[in-house]
Each structure stands twice: as structure tokens, then as C-alpha cells.
Protein backbone atom coordinates (compact mmCIF):
# COMPACT_ATOMS: atom_id res chain seq x y z
CA MET A 1 0.00 0.00 0.00
CA LYS A 2 1.35 3.43 -0.87
CA LYS A 3 2.07 5.91 1.89
CA GLN A 4 -0.58 8.34 0.61
CA GLN A 5 -3.23 5.63 0.75
CA ALA A 6 -2.14 4.60 4.23
CA ASP A 7 -2.20 8.21 5.41
CA PHE A 8 -5.68 8.65 3.97
CA LEU A 9 -6.85 5.54 5.79
CA GLY A 10 -5.22 6.70 9.02
CA LEU A 11 -2.68 3.88 9.24
CA SER A 12 0.27 4.42 11.56
CA GLY A 13 3.98 4.58 10.93
CA GLU A 14 4.20 1.19 12.61
CA TYR A 15 2.11 -0.24 9.77
CA HIS A 16 4.67 1.07 7.27
CA LYS A 17 7.58 -0.40 9.22
CA VAL A 18 5.95 -3.84 9.35
CA ALA A 19 5.09 -3.68 5.65
CA GLU A 20 8.69 -2.80 4.78
CA GLN A 21 9.99 -5.69 6.89
CA LYS A 22 7.62 -8.11 5.16
CA VAL A 23 8.88 -6.94 1.77
CA LEU A 24 12.47 -7.48 2.88
CA ILE A 25 11.67 -10.99 4.13
CA SER A 26 9.89 -11.75 0.85
CA LYS A 27 12.92 -10.65 -1.14
CA VAL A 28 15.35 -12.72 0.92
CA VAL A 29 13.19 -15.85 0.63
CA LEU A 30 12.65 -15.40 -3.11
CA ASP A 31 16.35 -14.75 -3.74
CA LYS A 32 17.28 -17.88 -1.79
CA MET A 33 14.75 -19.99 -3.70
CA LYS A 34 16.16 -18.70 -7.01
CA GLU A 35 19.72 -19.31 -5.84
CA GLN A 36 18.81 -22.92 -5.03
CA GLY A 37 16.77 -23.33 -8.21
CA LEU A 38 13.59 -24.14 -6.29
CA THR A 39 9.98 -23.53 -7.28
CA ILE A 40 7.08 -22.89 -4.96
CA PRO A 41 5.59 -26.38 -5.53
CA GLU A 42 8.98 -28.03 -4.89
CA VAL A 43 9.47 -26.18 -1.63
CA ALA A 44 5.91 -26.71 -0.45
CA SER A 45 6.06 -30.45 -1.07
CA SER A 46 9.26 -30.78 0.95
CA ILE A 47 8.15 -28.97 4.13
CA GLU A 48 5.68 -30.56 6.52
CA SER A 49 2.55 -28.48 7.19
CA VAL A 50 3.41 -25.87 4.55
CA ASP A 51 1.52 -25.58 1.28
CA GLU A 52 1.91 -23.46 -1.84
CA GLU A 53 -0.53 -20.81 -0.59
CA ASP A 54 1.50 -20.39 2.60
CA ILE A 55 4.64 -19.74 0.57
CA LYS A 56 2.82 -17.35 -1.76
CA HIS A 57 1.61 -15.35 1.25
CA ILE A 58 5.19 -14.94 2.42
CA LEU A 59 6.48 -14.05 -1.05
CA MET A 60 3.73 -11.45 -1.52
CA GLY A 61 4.25 -9.88 1.90
CA GLN A 62 0.81 -10.89 3.12
CA ASN A 63 0.00 -12.08 6.63
CA TYR A 64 1.33 -15.50 7.58
CA GLU A 65 2.06 -17.57 10.65
CA LEU A 66 5.45 -17.33 12.30
CA ASP A 67 5.73 -21.15 12.38
CA THR A 68 5.32 -21.22 8.60
CA LEU A 69 8.00 -18.59 8.10
CA LEU A 70 10.40 -20.44 10.39
CA ARG A 71 9.82 -23.79 8.67
CA LEU A 72 10.44 -22.15 5.29
CA THR A 73 13.54 -20.25 6.33
CA ASN A 74 14.99 -23.31 8.08
CA HIS A 75 14.44 -25.36 4.93
CA LEU A 76 16.18 -22.70 2.82
CA SER A 77 19.01 -22.23 5.39
CA ILE A 78 18.13 -18.58 6.00
CA GLU A 79 19.24 -17.18 9.33
CA PHE A 80 17.71 -14.18 11.09
CA ASN A 81 19.56 -11.83 13.37
CA ILE A 82 17.25 -10.26 15.92
CA GLU A 83 18.58 -7.15 17.58
């Protein structure tokens, strides 16, 4: 969502920060999948309790469950640094 739209709707700066973080996560996951030559169906079929729609939600920066993100990032060997 563009900042002007968010401002019009009265969304906070926190909303923007979360949205930006989701985009960054999406980019990292997609880049790692490309690097490993993996498709969404291939990844989904190799992770228990994760389906293609779950992965698409992460790649599109939509809402998703933390467990799903962690299963996906563990599978792709992506590490997070929390500060």
C-alpha cells in the first residue's frame, strides 16, 4: 500500500515499518529460492505443514504464521539476526 493511501486511511507509521519488513523478508526468501533453483511447488512439497498458498503469502508480503516462516527459512538455510 502506498504511503498516501495509508495516510488517507489513518494507518500508523508502525504499519509502514511492518510492511517494509515483510517486503524485505519476501525478497530474501525469493532470492534464496532462485539461488537454489527451487519452485514454490517443490518447496511446499518438501516442508511438513506448509503448502503453496503459505509460501505465496510470504512471497507477496501478506500475513502469515510465524511457524510457517520459520519452517520455510529453516528449509532454505536462511538465518535471522534479531537485535
